[in-house]
PDB file of N, CA and C in Angstrom:
ATOM      1  N   UNK A   1       0.259-101.871  -8.952  1.00  0.00           N
ATOM      2  CA  UNK A   1       1.631-101.644  -8.520  1.00  0.00           C
ATOM      3  C   UNK A   1       1.617-101.408  -7.009  1.00  0.00           C
ATOM      4  N   UNK A   2       2.428-102.175  -6.262  1.00  0.00           N
ATOM      5  CA  UNK A   2       2.446-102.064  -4.814  1.00  0.00           C
ATOM      6  C   UNK A   2       3.102-100.779  -4.333  1.00  0.00           C
ATOM      7  N   UNK A   3       2.847-100.455  -3.047  1.00  0.00           N
ATOM      8  CA  UNK A   3       3.372 -99.219  -2.468  1.00  0.00           C
ATOM      9  C   UNK A   3       4.897 -99.214  -2.446  1.00  0.00           C
ATOM     10  N   UNK A   4       5.504-100.351  -2.101  1.00  0.00           N
ATOM     11  CA  UNK A   4       6.962-100.426  -2.053  1.00  0.00           C
ATOM     12  C   UNK A   4       7.541-100.204  -3.442  1.00  0.00           C
ATOM     13  N   UNK A   5       6.916-100.788  -4.453  1.00  0.00           N
ATOM     14  CA  UNK A   5       7.378-100.645  -5.832  1.00  0.00           C
ATOM     15  C   UNK A   5       7.309 -99.180  -6.269  1.00  0.00           C
ATOM     16  N   UNK A   6       6.219 -98.481  -5.904  1.00  0.00           N
ATOM     17  CA  UNK A   6       6.082 -97.068  -6.250  1.00  0.00           C
ATOM     18  C   UNK A   6       7.150 -96.235  -5.552  1.00  0.00           C
ATOM     19  N   UNK A   7       7.389 -96.516  -4.270  1.00  0.00           N
ATOM     20  CA  UNK A   7       8.436 -95.795  -3.525  1.00  0.00           C
ATOM     21  C   UNK A   7       9.778 -96.062  -4.170  1.00  0.00           C
ATOM     22  N   UNK A   8      10.008 -97.311  -4.554  1.00  0.00           N
ATOM     23  CA  UNK A   8      11.281 -97.680  -5.189  1.00  0.00           C
ATOM     24  C   UNK A   8      11.514 -96.835  -6.440  1.00  0.00           C
ATOM     25  N   UNK A   9      10.508 -96.742  -7.309  1.00  0.00           N
ATOM     26  CA  UNK A   9      10.687 -95.995  -8.559  1.00  0.00           C
ATOM     27  C   UNK A   9      10.773 -94.496  -8.316  1.00  0.00           C
ATOM     28  N   UNK A  10      10.026 -93.985  -7.328  1.00  0.00           N
ATOM     29  CA  UNK A  10      10.115 -92.563  -7.003  1.00  0.00           C
ATOM     30  C   UNK A  10      11.521 -92.250  -6.493  1.00  0.00           C
ATOM     31  N   UNK A  11      12.049 -93.107  -5.621  1.00  0.00           N
ATOM     32  CA  UNK A  11      13.394 -92.909  -5.096  1.00  0.00           C
ATOM     33  C   UNK A  11      14.440 -93.115  -6.182  1.00  0.00           C
ATOM     34  N   UNK A  12      14.210 -94.069  -7.074  1.00  0.00           N
ATOM     35  CA  UNK A  12      15.174 -94.315  -8.145  1.00  0.00           C
ATOM     36  C   UNK A  12      15.257 -93.114  -9.071  1.00  0.00           C
ATOM     37  N   UNK A  13      14.131 -92.442  -9.304  1.00  0.00           N
ATOM     38  CA  UNK A  13      14.141 -91.254 -10.151  1.00  0.00           C
ATOM     39  C   UNK A  13      15.017 -90.169  -9.543  1.00  0.00           C
ATOM     40  N   UNK A  14      15.075 -90.110  -8.205  1.00  0.00           N
ATOM     41  CA  UNK A  14      15.926 -89.129  -7.537  1.00  0.00           C
ATOM     42  C   UNK A  14      17.407 -89.470  -7.707  1.00  0.00           C
ATOM     43  N   UNK A  15      17.700 -90.739  -7.999  1.00  0.00           N
ATOM     44  CA  UNK A  15      19.087 -91.170  -8.137  1.00  0.00           C
ATOM     45  C   UNK A  15      19.741 -90.611  -9.390  1.00  0.00           C
ATOM     46  N   UNK A  16      18.947 -90.360 -10.416  1.00  0.00           N
ATOM     47  CA  UNK A  16      19.502 -89.928 -11.697  1.00  0.00           C
ATOM     48  C   UNK A  16      19.061 -88.493 -11.968  1.00  0.00           C
ATOM     49  N   UNK A  17      20.027 -87.611 -12.061  1.00  0.00           N
ATOM     50  CA  UNK A  17      19.746 -86.207 -12.331  1.00  0.00           C
ATOM     51  C   UNK A  17      20.558 -85.810 -13.543  1.00  0.00           C
ATOM     52  N   UNK A  18      19.891 -85.396 -14.605  1.00  0.00           N
ATOM     53  CA  UNK A  18      20.552 -85.043 -15.857  1.00  0.00           C
ATOM     54  C   UNK A  18      21.405 -86.196 -16.384  1.00  0.00           C
ATOM     55  N   UNK A  19      20.932 -87.428 -16.190  1.00  0.00           N
ATOM     56  CA  UNK A  19      21.638 -88.595 -16.707  1.00  0.00           C
ATOM     57  C   UNK A  19      22.842 -89.008 -15.893  1.00  0.00           C
ATOM     58  N   UNK A  20      23.086 -88.347 -14.751  1.00  0.00           N
ATOM     59  CA  UNK A  20      24.244 -88.672 -13.922  1.00  0.00           C
ATOM     60  C   UNK A  20      23.753 -89.299 -12.618  1.00  0.00           C
ATOM     61  N   UNK A  21      24.369 -90.412 -12.248  1.00  0.00           N
ATOM     62  CA  UNK A  21      23.961 -91.111 -11.033  1.00  0.00           C
ATOM     63  C   UNK A  21      24.415 -90.346  -9.802  1.00  0.00           C
ATOM     64  N   UNK A  22      23.536 -90.306  -8.797  1.00  0.00           N
ATOM     65  CA  UNK A  22      23.881 -89.717  -7.512  1.00  0.00           C
ATOM     66  C   UNK A  22      23.921 -90.832  -6.481  1.00  0.00           C
ATOM     67  N   UNK A  23      23.923 -90.504  -5.226  1.00  0.00           N
ATOM     68  CA  UNK A  23      24.028 -91.499  -4.159  1.00  0.00           C
ATOM     69  C   UNK A  23      22.829 -92.442  -4.148  1.00  0.00           C
ATOM     70  N   UNK A  24      23.041 -93.625  -3.622  1.00  0.00           N
ATOM     71  CA  UNK A  24      21.971 -94.602  -3.467  1.00  0.00           C
ATOM     72  C   UNK A  24      21.017 -94.091  -2.395  1.00  0.00           C
ATOM     73  N   UNK A  25      19.731 -94.167  -2.659  1.00  0.00           N
ATOM     74  CA  UNK A  25      18.752 -93.639  -1.715  1.00  0.00           C
ATOM     75  C   UNK A  25      18.654 -94.516  -0.472  1.00  0.00           C
ATOM     76  N   UNK A  26      18.165 -93.901   0.601  1.00  0.00           N
ATOM     77  CA  UNK A  26      17.988 -94.619   1.862  1.00  0.00           C
ATOM     78  C   UNK A  26      16.978 -95.747   1.731  1.00  0.00           C
ATOM     79  N   UNK A  27      15.964 -95.568   0.865  1.00  0.00           N
ATOM     80  CA  UNK A  27      14.946 -96.607   0.683  1.00  0.00           C
ATOM     81  C   UNK A  27      15.585 -97.872   0.116  1.00  0.00           C
ATOM     82  N   UNK A  28      16.441 -97.725  -0.910  1.00  0.00           N
ATOM     83  CA  UNK A  28      17.095 -98.895  -1.492  1.00  0.00           C
ATOM     84  C   UNK A  28      18.073 -99.518  -0.513  1.00  0.00           C
ATOM     85  N   UNK A  29      18.796 -98.685   0.233  1.00  0.00           N
ATOM     86  CA  UNK A  29      19.742 -99.196   1.220  1.00  0.00           C
ATOM     87  C   UNK A  29      19.014 -99.983   2.302  1.00  0.00           C
ATOM     88  N   UNK A  30      17.895 -99.468   2.776  1.00  0.00           N
ATOM     89  CA  UNK A  30      17.103-100.179   3.779  1.00  0.00           C
ATOM     90  C   UNK A  30      16.572-101.501   3.227  1.00  0.00           C
ATOM     91  N   UNK A  31      16.232-101.513   1.949  1.00  0.00           N
ATOM     92  CA  UNK A  31      15.756-102.743   1.311  1.00  0.00           C
ATOM     93  C   UNK A  31      16.856-103.801   1.337  1.00  0.00           C
ATOM     94  N   UNK A  32      18.088-103.399   1.023  1.00  0.00           N
ATOM     95  CA  UNK A  32      19.223-104.327   1.058  1.00  0.00           C
ATOM     96  C   UNK A  32      19.486-104.759   2.497  1.00  0.00           C
ATOM     97  N   UNK A  33      19.407-103.828   3.454  1.00  0.00           N
ATOM     98  CA  UNK A  33      19.595-104.174   4.869  1.00  0.00           C
ATOM     99  C   UNK A  33      18.603-105.258   5.290  1.00  0.00           C
ATOM    100  N   UNK A  34      17.319-105.055   4.960  1.00  0.00           N
ATOM    101  CA  UNK A  34      16.287-106.035   5.340  1.00  0.00           C
ATOM    102  C   UNK A  34      16.546-107.394   4.701  1.00  0.00           C
ATOM    103  N   UNK A  35      16.953-107.384   3.427  1.00  0.00           N
ATOM    104  CA  UNK A  35      17.229-108.642   2.736  1.00  0.00           C
ATOM    105  C   UNK A  35      18.385-109.385   3.404  1.00  0.00           C
ATOM    106  N   UNK A  36      19.443-108.654   3.721  1.00  0.00           N
ATOM    107  CA  UNK A  36      20.588-109.300   4.361  1.00  0.00           C
ATOM    108  C   UNK A  36      20.239-109.793   5.772  1.00  0.00           C
ATOM    109  N   UNK A  37      19.459-109.024   6.499  1.00  0.00           N
ATOM    110  CA  UNK A  37      19.047-109.451   7.835  1.00  0.00           C
ATOM    111  C   UNK A  37      18.194-110.708   7.768  1.00  0.00           C
ATOM    112  N   UNK A  38      17.366-110.824   6.736  1.00  0.00           N
ATOM    113  CA  UNK A  38      16.562-112.039   6.575  1.00  0.00           C
ATOM    114  C   UNK A  38      17.443-113.245   6.238  1.00  0.00           C
ATOM    115  N   UNK A  39      18.654-112.979   5.734  1.00  0.00           N
ATOM    116  CA  UNK A  39      19.615-114.045   5.425  1.00  0.00           C
ATOM    117  C   UNK A  39      20.576-114.306   6.578  1.00  0.00           C
ATOM    118  N   UNK A  40      20.353-113.649   7.718  1.00  0.00           N
ATOM    119  CA  UNK A  40      21.164-113.906   8.901  1.00  0.00           C
ATOM    120  C   UNK A  40      22.339-112.965   9.110  1.00  0.00           C
ATOM    121  N   UNK A  41      22.425-111.908   8.326  1.00  0.00           N
ATOM    122  CA  UNK A  41      23.508-110.939   8.484  1.00  0.00           C
ATOM    123  C   UNK A  41      23.128-109.883   9.512  1.00  0.00           C
ATOM    124  N   UNK A  42      24.136-109.343  10.164  1.00  0.00           N
ATOM    125  CA  UNK A  42      23.967-108.229  11.080  1.00  0.00           C
ATOM    126  C   UNK A  42      24.692-107.030  10.477  1.00  0.00           C
ATOM    127  N   UNK A  43      24.017-105.902  10.367  1.00  0.00           N
ATOM    128  CA  UNK A  43      24.635-104.691   9.828  1.00  0.00           C
ATOM    129  C   UNK A  43      25.492-104.088  10.938  1.00  0.00           C
ATOM    130  N   UNK A  44      26.790-103.970  10.675  1.00  0.00           N
ATOM    131  CA  UNK A  44      27.732-103.526  11.699  1.00  0.00           C
ATOM    132  C   UNK A  44      27.938-102.014  11.649  1.00  0.00           C
ATOM    133  N   UNK A  45      28.210-101.487  10.444  1.00  0.00           N
ATOM    134  CA  UNK A  45      28.547-100.071  10.335  1.00  0.00           C
ATOM    135  C   UNK A  45      28.232 -99.565   8.933  1.00  0.00           C
ATOM    136  N   UNK A  46      27.700 -98.367   8.866  1.00  0.00           N
ATOM    137  CA  UNK A  46      27.458 -97.715   7.570  1.00  0.00           C
ATOM    138  C   UNK A  46      28.621 -96.776   7.297  1.00  0.00           C
ATOM    139  N   UNK A  47      29.321 -96.999   6.187  1.00  0.00           N
ATOM    140  CA  UNK A  47      30.517 -96.225   5.872  1.00  0.00           C
ATOM    141  C   UNK A  47      30.239 -95.021   4.984  1.00  0.00           C
ATOM    142  N   UNK A  48      29.254 -95.121   4.107  1.00  0.00           N
ATOM    143  CA  UNK A  48      28.888 -94.023   3.219  1.00  0.00           C
ATOM    144  C   UNK A  48      27.460 -94.230   2.749  1.00  0.00           C
ATOM    145  N   UNK A  49      27.028 -93.411   1.787  1.00  0.00           N
ATOM    146  CA  UNK A  49      25.659 -93.538   1.271  1.00  0.00           C
ATOM    147  C   UNK A  49      25.383 -94.898   0.648  1.00  0.00           C
ATOM    148  N   UNK A  50      26.412 -95.520   0.089  1.00  0.00           N
ATOM    149  CA  UNK A  50      26.188 -96.778  -0.620  1.00  0.00           C
ATOM    150  C   UNK A  50      27.101 -97.904  -0.152  1.00  0.00           C
ATOM    151  N   UNK A  51      27.790 -97.719   0.966  1.00  0.00           N
ATOM    152  CA  UNK A  51      28.742 -98.726   1.429  1.00  0.00           C
ATOM    153  C   UNK A  51      28.546 -98.984   2.924  1.00  0.00           C
ATOM    154  N   UNK A  52      28.576-100.268   3.302  1.00  0.00           N
ATOM    155  CA  UNK A  52      28.426-100.618   4.704  1.00  0.00           C
ATOM    156  C   UNK A  52      29.115-101.956   4.978  1.00  0.00           C
ATOM    157  N   UNK A  53      29.282-102.252   6.258  1.00  0.00           N
ATOM    158  CA  UNK A  53      29.891-103.510   6.695  1.00  0.00           C
ATOM    159  C   UNK A  53      28.798-104.343   7.351  1.00  0.00           C
ATOM    160  N   UNK A  54      28.739-105.620   6.973  1.00  0.00           N
ATOM    161  CA  UNK A  54      27.795-106.557   7.582  1.00  0.00           C
ATOM    162  C   UNK A  54      28.558-107.825   7.933  1.00  0.00           C
ATOM    163  N   UNK A  55      28.037-108.562   8.910  1.00  0.00           N
ATOM    164  CA  UNK A  55      28.703-109.814   9.277  1.00  0.00           C
ATOM    165  C   UNK A  55      27.699-110.919   9.506  1.00  0.00           C
ATOM    166  N   UNK A  56      28.153-112.115   9.212  1.00  0.00           N
ATOM    167  CA  UNK A  56      27.419-113.335   9.513  1.00  0.00           C
ATOM    168  C   UNK A  56      28.378-114.146  10.359  1.00  0.00           C
ATOM    169  N   UNK A  57      29.268-114.900   9.747  1.00  0.00           N
ATOM    170  CA  UNK A  57      30.407-115.487  10.460  1.00  0.00           C
ATOM    171  C   UNK A  57      31.580-114.531  10.360  1.00  0.00           C
ATOM    172  N   UNK A  58      31.818-114.059   9.139  1.00  0.00           N
ATOM    173  CA  UNK A  58      32.895-113.108   8.864  1.00  0.00           C
ATOM    174  C   UNK A  58      32.280-111.767   8.508  1.00  0.00           C
ATOM    175  N   UNK A  59      33.123-110.735   8.467  1.00  0.00           N
ATOM    176  CA  UNK A  59      32.671-109.412   8.056  1.00  0.00           C
ATOM    177  C   UNK A  59      32.855-109.254   6.554  1.00  0.00           C
ATOM    178  N   UNK A  60      31.911-108.534   5.926  1.00  0.00           N
ATOM    179  CA  UNK A  60      31.940-108.282   4.487  1.00  0.00           C
ATOM    180  C   UNK A  60      31.700-106.798   4.243  1.00  0.00           C
ATOM    181  N   UNK A  61      32.352-106.270   3.229  1.00  0.00           N
ATOM    182  CA  UNK A  61      32.135-104.889   2.811  1.00  0.00           C
ATOM    183  C   UNK A  61      31.161-104.908   1.643  1.00  0.00           C
ATOM    184  N   UNK A  62      29.990-104.293   1.812  1.00  0.00           N
ATOM    185  CA  UNK A  62      28.959-104.260   0.775  1.00  0.00           C
ATOM    186  C   UNK A  62      28.922-102.897   0.107  1.00  0.00           C
ATOM    187  N   UNK A  63      28.757-102.908  -1.209  1.00  0.00           N
ATOM    188  CA  UNK A  63      28.568-101.688  -1.982  1.00  0.00           C
ATOM    189  C   UNK A  63      27.279-101.851  -2.771  1.00  0.00           C
ATOM    190  N   UNK A  64      26.323-100.947  -2.567  1.00  0.00           N
ATOM    191  CA  UNK A  64      25.006-101.052  -3.188  1.00  0.00           C
ATOM    192  C   UNK A  64      25.005-100.304  -4.521  1.00  0.00           C
ATOM    193  N   UNK A  65      24.544-100.994  -5.563  1.00  0.00           N
ATOM    194  CA  UNK A  65      24.430-100.430  -6.910  1.00  0.00           C
ATOM    195  C   UNK A  65      23.001-100.628  -7.404  1.00  0.00           C
ATOM    196  N   UNK A  66      22.594 -99.779  -8.333  1.00  0.00           N
ATOM    197  CA  UNK A  66      21.272 -99.896  -8.937  1.00  0.00           C
ATOM    198  C   UNK A  66      21.446-100.305 -10.390  1.00  0.00           C
ATOM    199  N   UNK A  67      20.667-101.286 -10.830  1.00  0.00           N
ATOM    200  CA  UNK A  67      20.738-101.745 -12.211  1.00  0.00           C
ATOM    201  C   UNK A  67      20.499-100.580 -13.167  1.00  0.00           C
ATOM    202  N   UNK A  68      21.348-100.474 -14.168  1.00  0.00           N
ATOM    203  CA  UNK A  68      21.196 -99.439 -15.168  1.00  0.00           C
ATOM    204  C   UNK A  68      21.913 -98.143 -14.834  1.00  0.00           C
ATOM    205  N   UNK A  69      22.422 -98.013 -13.615  1.00  0.00           N
ATOM    206  CA  UNK A  69      23.168 -96.822 -13.221  1.00  0.00           C
ATOM    207  C   UNK A  69      24.651 -97.170 -13.264  1.00  0.00           C
ATOM    208  N   UNK A  70      25.366 -96.505 -14.147  1.00  0.00           N
ATOM    209  CA  UNK A  70      26.773 -96.837 -14.352  1.00  0.00           C
ATOM    210  C   UNK A  70      27.649 -96.312 -13.225  1.00  0.00           C
ATOM    211  N   UNK A  71      28.716 -97.072 -12.927  1.00  0.00           N
ATOM    212  CA  UNK A  71      29.760 -96.596 -12.027  1.00  0.00           C
ATOM    213  C   UNK A  71      31.078 -96.700 -12.779  1.00  0.00           C
ATOM    214  N   UNK A  72      32.057 -95.953 -12.347  1.00  0.00           N
ATOM    215  CA  UNK A  72      33.351 -95.977 -13.027  1.00  0.00           C
ATOM    216  C   UNK A  72      34.192 -97.139 -12.510  1.00  0.00           C
ATOM    217  N   UNK A  73      35.172 -97.506 -13.303  1.00  0.00           N
ATOM    218  CA  UNK A  73      36.122 -98.541 -12.875  1.00  0.00           C
ATOM    219  C   UNK A  73      36.861 -98.071 -11.627  1.00  0.00           C
ATOM    220  N   UNK A  74      37.146 -96.768 -11.547  1.00  0.00           N
ATOM    221  CA  UNK A  74      37.835 -96.218 -10.371  1.00  0.00           C
ATOM    222  C   UNK A  74      37.014 -96.445  -9.110  1.00  0.00           C
ATOM    223  N   UNK A  75      35.698 -96.263  -9.201  1.00  0.00           N
ATOM    224  CA  UNK A  75      34.826 -96.497  -8.051  1.00  0.00           C
ATOM    225  C   UNK A  75      34.872 -97.958  -7.639  1.00  0.00           C
ATOM    226  N   UNK A  76      34.779 -98.839  -8.616  1.00  0.00           N
ATOM    227  CA  UNK A  76      34.832-100.272  -8.340  1.00  0.00           C
ATOM    228  C   UNK A  76      36.173-100.656  -7.708  1.00  0.00           C
ATOM    229  N   UNK A  77      37.261-100.129  -8.246  1.00  0.00           N
ATOM    230  CA  UNK A  77      38.581-100.417  -7.673  1.00  0.00           C
ATOM    231  C   UNK A  77      38.713 -99.864  -6.262  1.00  0.00           C
ATOM    232  N   UNK A  78      38.143 -98.702  -6.005  1.00  0.00           N
ATOM    233  CA  UNK A  78      38.244 -98.148  -4.652  1.00  0.00           C
ATOM    234  C   UNK A  78      37.475 -99.003  -3.647  1.00  0.00           C
ATOM    235  N   UNK A  79      36.344 -99.576  -4.067  1.00  0.00           N
ATOM    236  CA  UNK A  79      35.593-100.486  -3.195  1.00  0.00           C
ATOM    237  C   UNK A  79      36.430-101.736  -2.901  1.00  0.00           C
ATOM    238  N   UNK A  80      37.013-102.311  -3.937  1.00  0.00           N
ATOM    239  CA  UNK A  80      37.841-103.506  -3.758  1.00  0.00           C
ATOM    240  C   UNK A  80      39.045-103.195  -2.882  1.00  0.00           C
ATOM    241  N   UNK A  81      39.701-102.055  -3.127  1.00  0.00           N
ATOM    242  CA  UNK A  81      40.860-101.668  -2.321  1.00  0.00           C
ATOM    243  C   UNK A  81      40.485-101.439  -0.866  1.00  0.00           C
ATOM    244  N   UNK A  82      39.325-100.833  -0.625  1.00  0.00           N
ATOM    245  CA  UNK A  82      38.891-100.625   0.754  1.00  0.00           C
ATOM    246  C   UNK A  82      38.638-101.957   1.439  1.00  0.00           C
ATOM    247  N   UNK A  83      38.049-102.900   0.710  1.00  0.00           N
ATOM    248  CA  UNK A  83      37.852-104.239   1.262  1.00  0.00           C
ATOM    249  C   UNK A  83      39.179-104.886   1.627  1.00  0.00           C
ATOM    250  N   UNK A  84      40.183-104.744   0.755  1.00  0.00           N
ATOM    251  CA  UNK A  84      41.506-105.297   1.055  1.00  0.00           C
ATOM    252  C   UNK A  84      42.130-104.609   2.259  1.00  0.00           C
ATOM    253  N   UNK A  85      41.983-103.287   2.347  1.00  0.00           N
ATOM    254  CA  UNK A  85      42.530-102.532   3.475  1.00  0.00           C
ATOM    255  C   UNK A  85      41.888-102.966   4.789  1.00  0.00           C
ATOM    256  N   UNK A  86      40.589-103.202   4.765  1.00  0.00           N
ATOM    257  CA  UNK A  86      39.870-103.617   5.968  1.00  0.00           C
ATOM    258  C   UNK A  86      39.919-105.128   6.193  1.00  0.00           C
ATOM    259  N   UNK A  87      40.586-105.858   5.292  1.00  0.00           N
ATOM    260  CA  UNK A  87      40.683-107.332   5.350  1.00  0.00           C
ATOM    261  C   UNK A  87      39.307-107.989   5.314  1.00  0.00           C
ATOM    262  N   UNK A  88      38.474-107.499   4.411  1.00  0.00           N
ATOM    263  CA  UNK A  88      37.132-108.054   4.225  1.00  0.00           C
ATOM    264  C   UNK A  88      36.881-108.288   2.749  1.00  0.00           C
ATOM    265  N   UNK A  89      36.165-109.347   2.412  1.00  0.00           N
ATOM    266  CA  UNK A  89      35.759-109.518   1.018  1.00  0.00           C
ATOM    267  C   UNK A  89      34.778-108.422   0.619  1.00  0.00           C
ATOM    268  N   UNK A  90      34.916-107.913  -0.604  1.00  0.00           N
ATOM    269  CA  UNK A  90      33.998-106.896  -1.125  1.00  0.00           C
ATOM    270  C   UNK A  90      32.852-107.590  -1.854  1.00  0.00           C
ATOM    271  N   UNK A  91      31.644-107.095  -1.623  1.00  0.00           N
ATOM    272  CA  UNK A  91      30.442-107.671  -2.232  1.00  0.00           C
ATOM    273  C   UNK A  91      29.636-106.548  -2.863  1.00  0.00           C
ATOM    274  N   UNK A  92      29.284-106.716  -4.143  1.00  0.00           N
ATOM    275  CA  UNK A  92      28.385-105.760  -4.805  1.00  0.00           C
ATOM    276  C   UNK A  92      26.952-106.228  -4.585  1.00  0.00           C
ATOM    277  N   UNK A  93      26.126-105.339  -4.079  1.00  0.00           N
ATOM    278  CA  UNK A  93      24.696-105.621  -3.926  1.00  0.00           C
ATOM    279  C   UNK A  93      24.002-104.885  -5.056  1.00  0.00           C
ATOM    280  N   UNK A  94      23.591-105.611  -6.083  1.00  0.00           N
ATOM    281  CA  UNK A  94      22.968-105.014  -7.256  1.00  0.00           C
ATOM    282  C   UNK A  94      21.449-105.108  -7.107  1.00  0.00           C
ATOM    283  N   UNK A  95      20.798-103.936  -7.053  1.00  0.00           N
ATOM    284  CA  UNK A  95      19.343-103.896  -6.934  1.00  0.00           C
ATOM    285  C   UNK A  95      18.773-103.758  -8.340  1.00  0.00           C
ATOM    286  N   UNK A  96      17.971-104.743  -8.757  1.00  0.00           N
ATOM    287  CA  UNK A  96      17.425-104.766 -10.115  1.00  0.00           C
ATOM    288  C   UNK A  96      16.230-103.833 -10.236  1.00  0.00           C
ATOM    289  N   UNK A  97      15.735-103.694 -11.451  1.00  0.00           N
ATOM    290  CA  UNK A  97      14.590-102.824 -11.717  1.00  0.00           C
ATOM    291  C   UNK A  97      13.329-103.261 -10.994  1.00  0.00           C
ATOM    292  N   UNK A  98      13.213-104.562 -10.697  1.00  0.00           N
ATOM    293  CA  UNK A  98      12.032-105.028  -9.971  1.00  0.00           C
ATOM    294  C   UNK A  98      12.235-105.024  -8.460  1.00  0.00           C
ATOM    295  N   UNK A  99      13.381-104.514  -7.994  1.00  0.00           N
ATOM    296  CA  UNK A  99      13.624-104.381  -6.559  1.00  0.00           C
ATOM    297  C   UNK A  99      14.334-105.560  -5.924  1.00  0.00           C
ATOM    298  N   UNK A 100      14.729-106.555  -6.712  1.00  0.00           N
ATOM    299  CA  UNK A 100      15.421-107.726  -6.191  1.00  0.00           C
ATOM    300  C   UNK A 100      16.907-107.424  -6.029  1.00  0.00           C
ATOM    301  N   UNK A 101      17.469-107.826  -4.891  1.00  0.00           N
ATOM    302  CA  UNK A 101      18.905-107.632  -4.653  1.00  0.00           C
ATOM    303  C   UNK A 101      19.646-108.922  -4.974  1.00  0.00           C
ATOM    304  N   UNK A 102      20.722-108.790  -5.741  1.00  0.00           N
ATOM    305  CA  UNK A 102      21.594-109.918  -6.073  1.00  0.00           C
ATOM    306  C   UNK A 102      22.999-109.530  -5.635  1.00  0.00           C
ATOM    307  N   UNK A 103      23.743-110.498  -5.099  1.00  0.00           N
ATOM    308  CA  UNK A 103      25.046-110.204  -4.504  1.00  0.00           C
ATOM    309  C   UNK A 103      26.165-110.883  -5.285  1.00  0.00           C
ATOM    310  N   UNK A 104      27.240-110.134  -5.520  1.00  0.00           N
ATOM    311  CA  UNK A 104      28.388-110.629  -6.259  1.00  0.00           C
ATOM    312  C   UNK A 104      29.667-110.318  -5.489  1.00  0.00           C
ATOM    313  N   UNK A 105      30.494-111.338  -5.263  1.00  0.00           N
ATOM    314  CA  UNK A 105      31.816-111.096  -4.695  1.00  0.00           C
ATOM    315  C   UNK A 105      32.686-110.486  -5.785  1.00  0.00           C
ATOM    316  N   UNK A 106      33.485-109.487  -5.436  1.00  0.00           N
ATOM    317  CA  UNK A 106      34.402-108.880  -6.401  1.00  0.00           C
ATOM    318  C   UNK A 106      35.805-108.862  -5.803  1.00  0.00           C
ATOM    319  N   UNK A 107      36.783-109.067  -6.672  1.00  0.00           N
ATOM    320  CA  UNK A 107      38.174-108.991  -6.231  1.00  0.00           C
ATOM    321  C   UNK A 107      39.049-108.722  -7.440  1.00  0.00           C
ATOM    322  N   UNK A 108      40.258-108.272  -7.160  1.00  0.00           N
ATOM    323  CA  UNK A 108      41.208-108.010  -8.234  1.00  0.00           C
ATOM    324  C   UNK A 108      41.935-109.297  -8.563  1.00  0.00           C
ATOM    325  N   UNK A 109      42.263-109.458  -9.819  1.00  0.00           N
ATOM    326  CA  UNK A 109      43.147-110.544 -10.219  1.00  0.00           C
ATOM    327  C   UNK A 109      44.284-109.922 -11.011  1.00  0.00           C
ATOM    328  N   UNK A 110      45.413-110.528 -10.894  1.00  0.00           N
ATOM    329  CA  UNK A 110      46.573-110.033 -11.627  1.00  0.00           C
ATOM    330  C   UNK A 110      46.927-111.073 -12.685  1.00  0.00           C
ATOM    331  N   UNK A 111      46.943-110.621 -13.929  1.00  0.00           N
ATOM    332  CA  UNK A 111      47.301-111.515 -15.018  1.00  0.00           C
ATOM    333  C   UNK A 111      48.807-111.408 -15.252  1.00  0.00           C
ATOM    334  N   UNK A 112      49.458-112.531 -15.529  1.00  0.00           N
ATOM    335  CA  UNK A 112      50.891-112.460 -15.822  1.00  0.00           C
ATOM    336  C   UNK A 112      51.129-111.712 -17.132  1.00  0.00           C
ATOM    337  N   UNK A 113      52.256-111.049 -17.200  1.00  0.00           N
ATOM    338  CA  UNK A 113      52.607-110.319 -18.427  1.00  0.00           C
ATOM    339  C   UNK A 113      52.965-111.312 -19.533  1.00  0.00           C
ATOM    340  N   UNK A 114      52.860-110.838 -20.750  1.00  0.00           N
ATOM    341  CA  UNK A 114      53.260-111.593 -21.934  1.00  0.00           C
ATOM    342  C   UNK A 114      52.500-112.911 -22.080  1.00  0.00           C
ATOM    343  N   UNK A 115      51.242-112.908 -21.722  1.00  0.00           N
ATOM    344  CA  UNK A 115      50.402-114.073 -21.918  1.00  0.00           C
ATOM    345  C   UNK A 115      49.608-113.845 -23.198  1.00  0.00           C
ATOM    346  N   UNK A 116      49.678-114.772 -24.107  1.00  0.00           N
ATOM    347  CA  UNK A 116      48.999-114.636 -25.386  1.00  0.00           C
ATOM    348  C   UNK A 116      47.929-115.714 -25.506  1.00  0.00           C
ATOM    349  N   UNK A 117      46.798-115.332 -26.039  1.00  0.00           N
ATOM    350  CA  UNK A 117      45.726-116.288 -26.256  1.00  0.00           C
ATOM    351  C   UNK A 117      46.022-117.040 -27.560  1.00  0.00           C
ATOM    352  N   UNK A 118      45.821-118.318 -27.516  1.00  0.00           N
ATOM    353  CA  UNK A 118      46.015-119.121 -28.726  1.00  0.00           C
ATOM    354  C   UNK A 118      44.679-119.578 -29.252  1.00  0.00           C
ATOM    355  N   UNK A 119      44.594-119.694 -30.551  1.00  0.00           N
ATOM    356  CA  UNK A 119      43.357-120.183 -31.168  1.00  0.00           C
ATOM    357  C   UNK A 119      43.201-121.665 -30.846  1.00  0.00           C
ATOM    358  N   UNK A 120      41.979-122.058 -30.612  1.00  0.00           N
ATOM    359  CA  UNK A 120      41.723-123.466 -30.283  1.00  0.00           C
ATOM    360  C   UNK A 120      41.364-124.220 -31.533  1.00  0.00           C
TER     361      UNK A 120
END
């Protein structure tokens, strides 16, 4: 097991206390920063423990999550709303158990009322 992998798991253990998720550790955040920088992004501003702004051509609001650590719908909505307020697309950076970061664009959609699904 490599040194980075051991640090990752040691830091991940600090994330969960009594089964409740706490802030994303600096080690995981730095890992996401390095990955994005290798993809040509520039880190512009750190907004919180798990949220930051990065830019390539446009600016994006990133929220770092750890696989297996649950977040509430309210947290997800607040990230999306902050992205809308700042006029930036919101991106979830999901760090997997093996340390790989995967990125997902997230946004709200509004479904029309009184729409019924029909059997095919």
